[in-house]
Structures are given as structure tokens and as C-alpha cells.
Amino acid sequence: MNKISFIVPIYNTDIRKLKKCISSIQRNVGLESYEINLIDDGSKEEHSKEYRRLVNSRIAYFYKSNGGVSSARNMGIEKSNGEYLCFVDSDDLLVGWNDASEELDMVVYDIAFTSEKNVISLPFERTNLTVNTFYSQLVKNSILNAVYGKLFKKSFLEKYHIRFNENLVHGEDLNFLLEIMRNHPKIVYIPKCIYLYIYNAQTTNSRFKKQPFKILDNYIYNFNREFNLVKQYQINIQIFNERINTVVKDLFNLYLVNVLMSDHDSLRIKIIAFLKSLDNPNLAGKIRLFLLKSGNSILIPLAVIRNGYLKIKH
């Protein structure tokens, strides 16, 4: 039995990027017992042929019809033989490694954001984490909402029937983590950067434009699940208020991305209705809500400025 299974979903990924991703895993994990499972989520045949050529004693390839990254990761969970699972996006890189313990259900590492020099670290040394402690950091660093830069014990996922929600188009990683936290996991934090996440703001904008109403519904769904977790673990409500401010910011940006779509006003009204139901947003949150209520005469220029800034930055 392999100790680590790396699950890499692929969908028409450039073969050079995929090879670079695979090489980063092989280089950093070294002699550790591991396997790499490539899950092809319905790529074009010319791409799939290239992926099949990568198969060897360490690398397995599995094809499925297109169903999205959650369905690909779920197949990866089913096909993996490792004690621990590590999810890696095909355009990201592994940049370090540290062994895991069999007694842990989830291992959390530092990650690098866009550049190896830009490391997102948690504010403590190696330690066991309670759900309260982990959640308190998750609301401060939204990058922690993702499943990359973490290890998950497969037997824990099997015991509690934890899988990615294939009905979500946004926030599927957060939903997966919430399901883990709901089941009293043993968590440890290791202060070592192992993962480089290559962020692309234009990719996020593109996703926001495809299904804005469904993305909004996904935000509301996960927010309610977080609120249930807060009640379950009696988490300080002040910590939850930090999440409220993040949600306000995200939904404000969701509208700015879609400010010119034909049904924009229905989206704006629905966002306002949800945000008005939230308690105690900070000053920035109140300003964003005010701007949403003010209408497109203000919001369209803001959207233009924001889009220009993102193009310059990335």
C-alpha cells in the first residue's frame, strides 16, 4: 500500500504544464512511497493520448466523461490506494515535502501564492489544531479554504462518507473542509511550505461570469453550513463575523464581474437581500452594501477600474 496518493485532475491541460507538475511531485517526494493518479475529466482525444504516455509504475491514468473537478477528485479518491491523499491542480507545483503521521486525519502545511517567495503561513509553530483554531485561521486567510497544501487520511474520508459535492460550481473545496471539520478530525499544522498555487484573476472572473446565480446560491449554501459548524463547536461569534466580511466582499465582486449582463438587476437584488440578512458587517462591508443599493451609475465605473487593475496586476 502506498503511503501518499497524489490526485491530479486534468482537463485539456497543456502537456508541458502537466509534466512540470508531475516532475515537481517526483522531485520533492523523493523515495517516499507514493502514487500519482491522473484523472482525465473528458479531455479531447489528442490530449488524452499524450496523458496516457505518461503512465508508469508510479503514475496511473483514469478517464471519465466530463463532470467537473469535484467528480474528477471523487474518482481520484476511489482509485487511490494511499493512506493519505493529496490533491494537486495540474497547473500548480509541489515545492517541498514533509512526512505525515498515521494518527492524523488532516495535515495542514504552508502554501505559496503565485510566487515561491509569497508564503502564506499560520501564526504558530508545529502543533495539533482544534477545529476552533483551524476555523479561526480559515476565516482570516481565504486561501486556506482550498484543499491543496493539505493531506487527508483516506480511512477518515471513508468512515464518514466524505466526498466533494458535485452539485457545487463554486466553494466545493470549502464545503469538503466543512464536512471534515463537522466530524471531529485530528488536525496537525506543519510549518513548511509544500505547495505553489498559481493564481489567475482572469480565470476567477471567467468562472464568475458563467453561472453567477448558481455561484451565489453556492455561497449562501456554504455560509449556512459554516453557521451550523459555529453552533456545533460554539465558536466565538466574532470569528464568524470575519467570514461575513469576506462573503460581502466576494459577492460584491461577483456582481461587479456581471454588472453588464442582461439579468444583472435580478442578481443585484438577490445579493442585496442576502447581505441585508447578515449581522454586523464591518465598515467596508456596509459601504459595499450601500454601493450595491446605489445602482449601476456608480457600479459600472467601479467594475471598469477593477478590471483594469486586475489586468495590470496579472
C-alpha atoms as a PDB file:
ATOM      1  CA  MET A   1       0.000   0.000   0.000  1.00  0.00           C
ATOM      2  CA  ASN A   2       1.366   3.421  -0.964  1.00  0.00           C
ATOM      3  CA  LYS A   3       1.590   5.981   1.786  1.00  0.00           C
ATOM      4  CA  ILE A   4       0.621   9.002  -0.333  1.00  0.00           C
ATOM      5  CA  SER A   5      -1.726   9.213  -3.319  1.00  0.00           C
ATOM      6  CA  PHE A   6      -1.455  12.414  -5.332  1.00  0.00           C
ATOM      7  CA  ILE A   7      -4.714  13.113  -7.154  1.00  0.00           C
ATOM      8  CA  VAL A   8      -4.295  15.351 -10.216  1.00  0.00           C
ATOM      9  CA  PRO A   9      -7.469  16.240 -12.186  1.00  0.00           C
ATOM     10  CA  ILE A  10      -6.766  17.157 -15.805  1.00  0.00           C
ATOM     11  CA  TYR A  11      -8.965  18.689 -18.471  1.00  0.00           C
ATOM     12  CA  ASN A  12      -7.259  19.634 -21.740  1.00  0.00           C
ATOM     13  CA  THR A  13      -4.210  20.649 -19.699  1.00  0.00           C
ATOM     14  CA  ASP A  14      -1.154  21.609 -21.711  1.00  0.00           C
ATOM     15  CA  ILE A  15       1.154  18.574 -21.580  1.00  0.00           C
ATOM     16  CA  ARG A  16       4.157  20.770 -20.708  1.00  0.00           C
ATOM     17  CA  LYS A  17       2.372  22.158 -17.659  1.00  0.00           C
ATOM     18  CA  LEU A  18       1.292  18.681 -16.590  1.00  0.00           C
ATOM     19  CA  LYS A  19       4.819  17.275 -16.940  1.00  0.00           C
ATOM     20  CA  LYS A  20       6.155  20.170 -14.871  1.00  0.00           C
ATOM     21  CA  CYS A  21       3.548  19.451 -12.186  1.00  0.00           C
ATOM     22  CA  ILE A  22       4.391  15.738 -12.120  1.00  0.00           C
ATOM     23  CA  SER A  23       8.134  16.429 -12.007  1.00  0.00           C
ATOM     24  CA  SER A  24       7.643  18.735  -9.031  1.00  0.00           C
ATOM     25  CA  ILE A  25       5.922  15.916  -7.139  1.00  0.00           C
ATOM     26  CA  GLN A  26       8.596  13.357  -8.022  1.00  0.00           C
ATOM     27  CA  ARG A  27      11.444  15.721  -7.179  1.00  0.00           C
ATOM     28  CA  ASN A  28      10.133  16.741  -3.752  1.00  0.00           C
ATOM     29  CA  VAL A  29       8.661  13.482  -2.514  1.00  0.00           C
ATOM     30  CA  GLY A  30      11.783  11.532  -3.449  1.00  0.00           C
ATOM     31  CA  LEU A  31      11.903   7.997  -2.066  1.00  0.00           C
ATOM     32  CA  GLU A  32       8.602   8.286  -0.185  1.00  0.00           C
ATOM     33  CA  SER A  33       6.089   5.538  -1.051  1.00  0.00           C
ATOM     34  CA  TYR A  34       3.638   7.282  -3.362  1.00  0.00           C
ATOM     35  CA  GLU A  35       1.489   7.111  -6.475  1.00  0.00           C
ATOM     36  CA  ILE A  36       0.241   9.807  -8.858  1.00  0.00           C
ATOM     37  CA  ASN A  37      -3.284   9.340 -10.187  1.00  0.00           C
ATOM     38  CA  LEU A  38      -4.139  11.418 -13.246  1.00  0.00           C
ATOM     39  CA  ILE A  39      -7.917  11.822 -13.562  1.00  0.00           C
ATOM     40  CA  ASP A  40      -8.862  12.890 -17.081  1.00  0.00           C
ATOM     41  CA  ASP A  41     -12.207  14.705 -16.908  1.00  0.00           C
ATOM     42  CA  GLY A  42     -13.239  14.228 -20.527  1.00  0.00           C
ATOM     43  CA  SER A  43     -10.352  15.879 -22.383  1.00  0.00           C
ATOM     44  CA  LYS A  44     -10.107  15.936 -26.160  1.00  0.00           C
ATOM     45  CA  GLU A  45      -8.656  12.760 -27.610  1.00  0.00           C
ATOM     46  CA  GLU A  46      -5.436  14.427 -28.773  1.00  0.00           C
ATOM     47  CA  HIS A  47      -4.748  15.481 -25.188  1.00  0.00           C
ATOM     48  CA  SER A  48      -5.787  12.153 -23.684  1.00  0.00           C
ATOM     49  CA  LYS A  49      -3.313  10.329 -25.935  1.00  0.00           C
ATOM     50  CA  GLU A  50      -0.492  12.458 -24.563  1.00  0.00           C
ATOM     51  CA  TYR A  51      -1.579  11.830 -20.976  1.00  0.00           C
ATOM     52  CA  ARG A  52      -1.654   8.046 -21.463  1.00  0.00           C
ATOM     53  CA  ARG A  53       2.001   8.094 -22.497  1.00  0.00           C
ATOM     54  CA  LEU A  54       2.935   9.309 -19.008  1.00  0.00           C
ATOM     55  CA  VAL A  55       1.813   6.086 -17.313  1.00  0.00           C
ATOM     56  CA  ASN A  56       4.496   4.103 -15.471  1.00  0.00           C
ATOM     57  CA  SER A  57       4.877   2.189 -12.207  1.00  0.00           C
ATOM     58  CA  ARG A  58       4.215   5.386 -10.212  1.00  0.00           C
ATOM     59  CA  ILE A  59       1.717   7.144 -12.492  1.00  0.00           C
ATOM     60  CA  ALA A  60      -1.779   5.833 -13.251  1.00  0.00           C
ATOM     61  CA  TYR A  61      -4.267   7.307 -15.729  1.00  0.00           C
ATOM     62  CA  PHE A  62      -8.059   7.181 -15.476  1.00  0.00           C
ATOM     63  CA  TYR A  63     -10.535   8.602 -17.986  1.00  0.00           C
ATOM     64  CA  LYS A  64     -14.086   9.729 -17.238  1.00  0.00           C
ATOM     65  CA  SER A  65     -16.716  11.737 -19.055  1.00  0.00           C
ATOM     66  CA  ASN A  66     -16.675  15.448 -18.266  1.00  0.00           C
ATOM     67  CA  GLY A  67     -18.305  16.235 -14.933  1.00  0.00           C
ATOM     68  CA  GLY A  68     -16.182  18.928 -13.315  1.00  0.00           C
ATOM     69  CA  VAL A  69     -13.284  18.984 -10.879  1.00  0.00           C
ATOM     70  CA  SER A  70     -15.336  17.626  -7.959  1.00  0.00           C
ATOM     71  CA  SER A  71     -16.326  14.498  -9.853  1.00  0.00           C
ATOM     72  CA  ALA A  72     -12.714  14.048 -11.001  1.00  0.00           C
ATOM     73  CA  ARG A  73     -11.427  14.315  -7.429  1.00  0.00           C
ATOM     74  CA  ASN A  74     -14.100  11.890  -6.233  1.00  0.00           C
ATOM     75  CA  MET A  75     -12.922   9.342  -8.816  1.00  0.00           C
ATOM     76  CA  GLY A  76      -9.388  10.004  -7.602  1.00  0.00           C
ATOM     77  CA  ILE A  77     -10.413   9.170  -4.044  1.00  0.00           C
ATOM     78  CA  GLU A  78     -11.985   5.919  -5.205  1.00  0.00           C
ATOM     79  CA  LYS A  79      -8.983   4.882  -7.311  1.00  0.00           C
ATOM     80  CA  SER A  80      -6.303   5.798  -4.777  1.00  0.00           C
ATOM     81  CA  ASN A  81      -4.501   3.200  -2.669  1.00  0.00           C
ATOM     82  CA  GLY A  82      -2.655   5.567  -0.357  1.00  0.00           C
ATOM     83  CA  GLU A  83      -3.138   6.013   3.364  1.00  0.00           C
ATOM     84  CA  TYR A  84      -3.118   9.760   2.720  1.00  0.00           C
ATOM     85  CA  LEU A  85      -4.479  11.767  -0.193  1.00  0.00           C
ATOM     86  CA  CYS A  86      -3.007  14.987  -1.579  1.00  0.00           C
ATOM     87  CA  PHE A  87      -4.913  16.997  -4.192  1.00  0.00           C
ATOM     88  CA  VAL A  88      -2.798  18.853  -6.745  1.00  0.00           C
ATOM     89  CA  ASP A  89      -4.110  21.057  -9.555  1.00  0.00           C
ATOM     90  CA  SER A  90      -2.389  20.324 -12.853  1.00  0.00           C
ATOM     91  CA  ASP A  91      -1.074  23.871 -13.342  1.00  0.00           C
ATOM     92  CA  ASP A  92       0.318  24.129  -9.793  1.00  0.00           C
ATOM     93  CA  LEU A  93       3.557  22.785  -8.306  1.00  0.00           C
ATOM     94  CA  LEU A  94       4.765  20.911  -5.266  1.00  0.00           C
ATOM     95  CA  VAL A  95       7.699  22.864  -3.810  1.00  0.00           C
ATOM     96  CA  GLY A  96       8.506  20.894  -0.653  1.00  0.00           C
ATOM     97  CA  TRP A  97       7.563  17.883   1.411  1.00  0.00           C
ATOM     98  CA  ASN A  98       7.182  16.624   4.976  1.00  0.00           C
ATOM     99  CA  ASP A  99       6.121  13.183   6.162  1.00  0.00           C
ATOM    100  CA  ALA A 100       2.694  12.523   7.709  1.00  0.00           C
ATOM    101  CA  SER A 101       1.636  10.571  10.771  1.00  0.00           C
ATOM    102  CA  GLU A 102      -0.823   7.705  10.650  1.00  0.00           C
ATOM    103  CA  GLU A 103      -2.626   9.086  13.697  1.00  0.00           C
ATOM    104  CA  LEU A 104      -3.785  12.248  11.938  1.00  0.00           C
ATOM    105  CA  ASP A 105      -6.905  12.846   9.868  1.00  0.00           C
ATOM    106  CA  MET A 106      -5.717  16.070   8.218  1.00  0.00           C
ATOM    107  CA  VAL A 107      -2.297  17.699   7.874  1.00  0.00           C
ATOM    108  CA  VAL A 108      -2.104  21.412   7.085  1.00  0.00           C
ATOM    109  CA  TYR A 109       1.018  22.968   5.548  1.00  0.00           C
ATOM    110  CA  ASP A 110       2.039  26.457   4.457  1.00  0.00           C
ATOM    111  CA  ILE A 111       1.490  27.288   0.802  1.00  0.00           C
ATOM    112  CA  ALA A 112       2.974  29.802  -1.612  1.00  0.00           C
ATOM    113  CA  PHE A 113       0.647  32.080  -3.545  1.00  0.00           C
ATOM    114  CA  THR A 114       1.692  32.815  -7.171  1.00  0.00           C
ATOM    115  CA  SER A 115       5.396  33.028  -6.205  1.00  0.00           C
ATOM    116  CA  GLU A 116       7.519  30.768  -4.010  1.00  0.00           C
ATOM    117  CA  LYS A 117       8.534  33.886  -2.095  1.00  0.00           C
ATOM    118  CA  ASN A 118       4.922  34.734  -1.186  1.00  0.00           C
ATOM    119  CA  VAL A 119       4.323  32.111   1.508  1.00  0.00           C
ATOM    120  CA  ILE A 120       1.032  32.029   3.444  1.00  0.00           C
ATOM    121  CA  SER A 121       1.909  30.824   6.960  1.00  0.00           C
ATOM    122  CA  LEU A 122      -0.191  30.124  10.018  1.00  0.00           C
ATOM    123  CA  PRO A 123       0.772  32.079  13.160  1.00  0.00           C
ATOM    124  CA  PHE A 124       2.059  29.206  15.286  1.00  0.00           C
ATOM    125  CA  GLU A 125       4.701  26.501  15.363  1.00  0.00           C
ATOM    126  CA  ARG A 126       4.030  22.838  14.616  1.00  0.00           C
ATOM    127  CA  THR A 127       1.075  21.910  16.718  1.00  0.00           C
ATOM    128  CA  ASN A 128      -2.136  19.938  16.957  1.00  0.00           C
ATOM    129  CA  LEU A 129      -5.091  22.088  15.964  1.00  0.00           C
ATOM    130  CA  THR A 130      -8.606  22.084  17.324  1.00  0.00           C
ATOM    131  CA  VAL A 131     -11.430  22.709  14.885  1.00  0.00           C
ATOM    132  CA  ASN A 132     -11.928  26.097  16.572  1.00  0.00           C
ATOM    133  CA  THR A 133      -8.293  27.067  15.987  1.00  0.00           C
ATOM    134  CA  PHE A 134      -8.230  25.900  12.391  1.00  0.00           C
ATOM    135  CA  TYR A 135     -11.509  27.619  11.586  1.00  0.00           C
ATOM    136  CA  SER A 136     -10.327  30.874  13.185  1.00  0.00           C
ATOM    137  CA  GLN A 137      -7.421  30.907  10.702  1.00  0.00           C
ATOM    138  CA  LEU A 138      -9.541  29.762   7.780  1.00  0.00           C
ATOM    139  CA  VAL A 139     -11.764  32.855   8.061  1.00  0.00           C
ATOM    140  CA  LYS A 140      -8.702  35.141   8.151  1.00  0.00           C
ATOM    141  CA  ASN A 141      -6.887  33.537   5.192  1.00  0.00           C
ATOM    142  CA  SER A 142      -9.348  32.572   2.465  1.00  0.00           C
ATOM    143  CA  ILE A 143      -6.520  30.701   0.734  1.00  0.00           C
ATOM    144  CA  LEU A 144      -6.920  28.078   3.487  1.00  0.00           C
ATOM    145  CA  ASN A 145     -10.396  27.283   2.137  1.00  0.00           C
ATOM    146  CA  ALA A 146      -8.770  25.196  -0.578  1.00  0.00           C
ATOM    147  CA  VAL A 147      -7.812  21.517  -0.322  1.00  0.00           C
ATOM    148  CA  TYR A 148      -4.333  21.977  -1.765  1.00  0.00           C
ATOM    149  CA  GLY A 149      -1.404  22.164   0.656  1.00  0.00           C
ATOM    150  CA  LYS A 150      -3.075  19.557   2.862  1.00  0.00           C
ATOM    151  CA  LEU A 151      -3.112  15.802   3.387  1.00  0.00           C
ATOM    152  CA  PHE A 152      -6.261  13.823   4.143  1.00  0.00           C
ATOM    153  CA  LYS A 153      -6.391  10.360   5.658  1.00  0.00           C
ATOM    154  CA  LYS A 154      -8.390   8.174   3.294  1.00  0.00           C
ATOM    155  CA  SER A 155      -9.829   5.965   6.034  1.00  0.00           C
ATOM    156  CA  PHE A 156     -11.284   9.077   7.718  1.00  0.00           C
ATOM    157  CA  LEU A 157     -12.982  10.115   4.466  1.00  0.00           C
ATOM    158  CA  GLU A 158     -14.330   6.591   4.030  1.00  0.00           C
ATOM    159  CA  LYS A 159     -15.561   6.317   7.622  1.00  0.00           C
ATOM    160  CA  TYR A 160     -17.683   9.463   7.330  1.00  0.00           C
ATOM    161  CA  HIS A 161     -18.526   9.100   3.622  1.00  0.00           C
ATOM    162  CA  ILE A 162     -16.894  12.423   2.810  1.00  0.00           C
ATOM    163  CA  ARG A 163     -16.726  13.393  -0.853  1.00  0.00           C
ATOM    164  CA  PHE A 164     -16.755  16.572  -2.920  1.00  0.00           C
ATOM    165  CA  ASN A 165     -20.230  17.925  -3.593  1.00  0.00           C
ATOM    166  CA  GLU A 166     -20.633  17.577  -7.351  1.00  0.00           C
ATOM    167  CA  ASN A 167     -23.629  19.931  -7.397  1.00  0.00           C
ATOM    168  CA  LEU A 168     -21.466  22.925  -6.463  1.00  0.00           C
ATOM    169  CA  VAL A 169     -19.738  25.050  -9.098  1.00  0.00           C
ATOM    170  CA  HIS A 170     -18.039  27.285  -6.528  1.00  0.00           C
ATOM    171  CA  GLY A 171     -16.823  26.694  -2.959  1.00  0.00           C
ATOM    172  CA  GLU A 172     -16.529  22.925  -3.380  1.00  0.00           C
ATOM    173  CA  ASP A 173     -13.197  22.906  -1.516  1.00  0.00           C
ATOM    174  CA  LEU A 174     -14.633  24.833   1.433  1.00  0.00           C
ATOM    175  CA  ASN A 175     -17.624  22.515   1.530  1.00  0.00           C
ATOM    176  CA  PHE A 176     -15.289  19.490   1.640  1.00  0.00           C
ATOM    177  CA  LEU A 177     -13.328  21.004   4.547  1.00  0.00           C
ATOM    178  CA  LEU A 178     -16.522  21.851   6.432  1.00  0.00           C
ATOM    179  CA  GLU A 179     -17.637  18.240   6.123  1.00  0.00           C
ATOM    180  CA  ILE A 180     -14.300  17.101   7.560  1.00  0.00           C
ATOM    181  CA  MET A 181     -14.459  19.587  10.452  1.00  0.00           C
ATOM    182  CA  ARG A 182     -18.001  18.509  11.256  1.00  0.00           C
ATOM    183  CA  ASN A 183     -16.679  15.029  12.138  1.00  0.00           C
ATOM    184  CA  HIS A 184     -14.111  15.919  14.850  1.00  0.00           C
ATOM    185  CA  PRO A 185     -10.859  15.321  12.928  1.00  0.00           C
ATOM    186  CA  LYS A 186      -7.367  15.147  14.412  1.00  0.00           C
ATOM    187  CA  ILE A 187      -5.518  18.006  12.702  1.00  0.00           C
ATOM    188  CA  VAL A 188      -1.864  18.989  12.793  1.00  0.00           C
ATOM    189  CA  TYR A 189      -0.143  22.025  11.311  1.00  0.00           C
ATOM    190  CA  ILE A 190       3.399  21.653   9.954  1.00  0.00           C
ATOM    191  CA  PRO A 191       5.178  24.986   9.296  1.00  0.00           C
ATOM    192  CA  LYS A 192       6.681  24.011   5.960  1.00  0.00           C
ATOM    193  CA  CYS A 193       5.693  25.301   2.531  1.00  0.00           C
ATOM    194  CA  ILE A 194       4.921  22.402   0.195  1.00  0.00           C
ATOM    195  CA  TYR A 195       2.637  23.876  -2.474  1.00  0.00           C
ATOM    196  CA  LEU A 196       2.768  26.689  -5.031  1.00  0.00           C
ATOM    197  CA  TYR A 197      -0.659  27.883  -6.132  1.00  0.00           C
ATOM    198  CA  ILE A 198      -0.615  29.715  -9.472  1.00  0.00           C
ATOM    199  CA  TYR A 199      -3.433  32.257  -9.157  1.00  0.00           C
ATOM    200  CA  ASN A 200      -5.073  33.777 -12.217  1.00  0.00           C
ATOM    201  CA  ALA A 201      -7.616  36.534 -11.561  1.00  0.00           C
ATOM    202  CA  GLN A 202      -8.957  36.296 -15.108  1.00  0.00           C
ATOM    203  CA  THR A 203      -9.808  32.619 -14.538  1.00  0.00           C
ATOM    204  CA  THR A 204     -11.822  33.598 -11.459  1.00  0.00           C
ATOM    205  CA  ASN A 205     -13.615  36.323 -13.427  1.00  0.00           C
ATOM    206  CA  SER A 206     -14.428  33.848 -16.192  1.00  0.00           C
ATOM    207  CA  ARG A 207     -15.910  31.404 -13.678  1.00  0.00           C
ATOM    208  CA  PHE A 208     -17.946  34.200 -12.051  1.00  0.00           C
ATOM    209  CA  LYS A 209     -19.437  35.060 -15.461  1.00  0.00           C
ATOM    210  CA  LYS A 210     -20.524  31.540 -16.404  1.00  0.00           C
ATOM    211  CA  GLN A 211     -23.117  30.820 -13.713  1.00  0.00           C
ATOM    212  CA  PRO A 212     -23.459  33.847 -11.403  1.00  0.00           C
ATOM    213  CA  PHE A 213     -26.809  32.855  -9.910  1.00  0.00           C
ATOM    214  CA  LYS A 214     -25.612  29.351  -9.119  1.00  0.00           C
ATOM    215  CA  ILE A 215     -22.385  30.728  -7.619  1.00  0.00           C
ATOM    216  CA  LEU A 216     -24.476  32.998  -5.403  1.00  0.00           C
ATOM    217  CA  ASP A 217     -26.577  30.015  -4.313  1.00  0.00           C
ATOM    218  CA  ASN A 218     -23.358  28.091  -3.551  1.00  0.00           C
ATOM    219  CA  TYR A 219     -22.089  30.965  -1.383  1.00  0.00           C
ATOM    220  CA  ILE A 220     -25.340  31.012   0.583  1.00  0.00           C
ATOM    221  CA  TYR A 221     -25.308  27.220   0.960  1.00  0.00           C
ATOM    222  CA  ASN A 222     -21.762  27.144   2.334  1.00  0.00           C
ATOM    223  CA  PHE A 223     -22.413  30.149   4.563  1.00  0.00           C
ATOM    224  CA  ASN A 224     -25.305  28.335   6.229  1.00  0.00           C
ATOM    225  CA  ARG A 225     -23.152  25.225   6.682  1.00  0.00           C
ATOM    226  CA  GLU A 226     -20.457  27.360   8.310  1.00  0.00           C
ATOM    227  CA  PHE A 227     -23.022  28.849  10.655  1.00  0.00           C
ATOM    228  CA  ASN A 228     -24.069  25.316  11.681  1.00  0.00           C
ATOM    229  CA  LEU A 229     -20.397  24.482  12.358  1.00  0.00           C
ATOM    230  CA  VAL A 230     -20.056  27.600  14.514  1.00  0.00           C
ATOM    231  CA  LYS A 231     -23.036  26.461  16.586  1.00  0.00           C
ATOM    232  CA  GLN A 232     -21.770  22.853  16.774  1.00  0.00           C
ATOM    233  CA  TYR A 233     -18.370  23.848  18.193  1.00  0.00           C
ATOM    234  CA  GLN A 234     -19.580  27.000  19.981  1.00  0.00           C
ATOM    235  CA  ILE A 235     -17.073  29.069  18.035  1.00  0.00           C
ATOM    236  CA  ASN A 236     -16.757  32.713  19.077  1.00  0.00           C
ATOM    237  CA  ILE A 237     -19.250  34.702  17.009  1.00  0.00           C
ATOM    238  CA  GLN A 238     -16.629  37.417  16.485  1.00  0.00           C
ATOM    239  CA  ILE A 239     -14.635  34.901  14.444  1.00  0.00           C
ATOM    240  CA  PHE A 240     -17.701  34.205  12.310  1.00  0.00           C
ATOM    241  CA  ASN A 241     -18.158  37.936  11.759  1.00  0.00           C
ATOM    242  CA  GLU A 242     -14.817  37.932   9.923  1.00  0.00           C
ATOM    243  CA  ARG A 243     -16.276  35.407   7.498  1.00  0.00           C
ATOM    244  CA  ILE A 244     -19.283  37.691   6.995  1.00  0.00           C
ATOM    245  CA  ASN A 245     -16.968  40.474   5.826  1.00  0.00           C
ATOM    246  CA  THR A 246     -15.273  38.128   3.357  1.00  0.00           C
ATOM    247  CA  VAL A 247     -18.633  36.982   1.969  1.00  0.00           C
ATOM    248  CA  VAL A 248     -19.754  40.596   1.486  1.00  0.00           C
ATOM    249  CA  LYS A 249     -16.546  41.360  -0.423  1.00  0.00           C
ATOM    250  CA  ASP A 250     -16.807  38.236  -2.598  1.00  0.00           C
ATOM    251  CA  LEU A 251     -20.454  38.813  -3.534  1.00  0.00           C
ATOM    252  CA  PHE A 252     -19.766  42.479  -4.267  1.00  0.00           C
ATOM    253  CA  ASN A 253     -17.040  41.353  -6.706  1.00  0.00           C
ATOM    254  CA  LEU A 254     -19.389  38.721  -8.149  1.00  0.00           C
ATOM    255  CA  TYR A 255     -21.780  41.500  -9.089  1.00  0.00           C
ATOM    256  CA  LEU A 256     -19.057  43.778 -10.474  1.00  0.00           C
ATOM    257  CA  VAL A 257     -17.964  40.992 -12.824  1.00  0.00           C
ATOM    258  CA  ASN A 258     -21.555  40.605 -14.067  1.00  0.00           C
ATOM    259  CA  VAL A 259     -22.672  44.242 -13.952  1.00  0.00           C
ATOM    260  CA  LEU A 260     -23.322  44.366 -17.709  1.00  0.00           C
ATOM    261  CA  MET A 261     -25.152  41.048 -18.143  1.00  0.00           C
ATOM    262  CA  SER A 262     -28.787  41.210 -19.288  1.00  0.00           C
ATOM    263  CA  ASP A 263     -30.205  39.931 -15.989  1.00  0.00           C
ATOM    264  CA  HIS A 264     -27.849  41.974 -13.796  1.00  0.00           C
ATOM    265  CA  ASP A 265     -30.586  43.653 -11.775  1.00  0.00           C
ATOM    266  CA  SER A 266     -32.069  40.332 -10.621  1.00  0.00           C
ATOM    267  CA  LEU A 267     -28.598  39.283  -9.454  1.00  0.00           C
ATOM    268  CA  ARG A 268     -28.061  42.588  -7.638  1.00  0.00           C
ATOM    269  CA  ILE A 269     -31.426  42.369  -5.852  1.00  0.00           C
ATOM    270  CA  LYS A 270     -30.770  38.791  -4.766  1.00  0.00           C
ATOM    271  CA  ILE A 271     -27.290  39.668  -3.445  1.00  0.00           C
ATOM    272  CA  ILE A 272     -28.671  42.678  -1.549  1.00  0.00           C
ATOM    273  CA  ALA A 273     -31.434  40.570   0.017  1.00  0.00           C
ATOM    274  CA  PHE A 274     -28.899  38.039   1.300  1.00  0.00           C
ATOM    275  CA  LEU A 275     -26.397  40.616   2.541  1.00  0.00           C
ATOM    276  CA  LYS A 276     -29.125  42.519   4.417  1.00  0.00           C
ATOM    277  CA  SER A 277     -29.780  39.322   6.395  1.00  0.00           C
ATOM    278  CA  LEU A 278     -26.196  39.214   7.720  1.00  0.00           C
ATOM    279  CA  ASP A 279     -25.248  40.604  11.122  1.00  0.00           C
ATOM    280  CA  ASN A 280     -22.533  43.154  11.876  1.00  0.00           C
ATOM    281  CA  PRO A 281     -20.567  43.615   8.631  1.00  0.00           C
ATOM    282  CA  ASN A 282     -17.609  45.969   9.100  1.00  0.00           C
ATOM    283  CA  LEU A 283     -17.441  49.489   7.653  1.00  0.00           C
ATOM    284  CA  ALA A 284     -16.110  48.223   4.308  1.00  0.00           C
ATOM    285  CA  GLY A 285     -18.990  45.738   4.141  1.00  0.00           C
ATOM    286  CA  LYS A 286     -21.556  48.445   4.868  1.00  0.00           C
ATOM    287  CA  ILE A 287     -20.060  50.641   2.141  1.00  0.00           C
ATOM    288  CA  ARG A 288     -20.230  47.770  -0.378  1.00  0.00           C
ATOM    289  CA  LEU A 289     -23.879  47.151   0.513  1.00  0.00           C
ATOM    290  CA  PHE A 290     -24.598  50.871   0.105  1.00  0.00           C
ATOM    291  CA  LEU A 291     -22.926  50.877  -3.321  1.00  0.00           C
ATOM    292  CA  LEU A 292     -24.977  47.863  -4.417  1.00  0.00           C
ATOM    293  CA  LYS A 293     -28.142  49.670  -3.423  1.00  0.00           C
ATOM    294  CA  SER A 294     -26.998  52.789  -5.287  1.00  0.00           C
ATOM    295  CA  GLY A 295     -27.155  51.052  -8.671  1.00  0.00           C
ATOM    296  CA  ASN A 296     -25.106  50.820 -11.838  1.00  0.00           C
ATOM    297  CA  SER A 297     -24.347  54.501 -12.297  1.00  0.00           C
ATOM    298  CA  ILE A 298     -21.667  54.003  -9.623  1.00  0.00           C
ATOM    299  CA  LEU A 299     -21.009  50.289 -10.016  1.00  0.00           C
ATOM    300  CA  ILE A 300     -20.168  50.254 -13.747  1.00  0.00           C
ATOM    301  CA  PRO A 301     -17.230  52.691 -13.357  1.00  0.00           C
ATOM    302  CA  LEU A 302     -16.032  50.647 -10.354  1.00  0.00           C
ATOM    303  CA  ALA A 303     -16.191  47.478 -12.447  1.00  0.00           C
ATOM    304  CA  VAL A 304     -14.121  49.103 -15.208  1.00  0.00           C
ATOM    305  CA  ILE A 305     -11.490  50.277 -12.711  1.00  0.00           C
ATOM    306  CA  ARG A 306     -11.349  46.853 -11.031  1.00  0.00           C
ATOM    307  CA  ASN A 307     -10.970  45.006 -14.336  1.00  0.00           C
ATOM    308  CA  GLY A 308      -8.194  47.356 -15.437  1.00  0.00           C
ATOM    309  CA  TYR A 309      -6.361  46.881 -12.151  1.00  0.00           C
ATOM    310  CA  LEU A 310      -6.533  43.089 -12.421  1.00  0.00           C
ATOM    311  CA  LYS A 311      -5.161  43.153 -15.969  1.00  0.00           C
ATOM    312  CA  ILE A 312      -2.217  45.283 -14.862  1.00  0.00           C
ATOM    313  CA  LYS A 313      -1.559  43.170 -11.778  1.00  0.00           C
ATOM    314  CA  HIS A 314      -1.693  39.812 -13.556  1.00  0.00           C
END
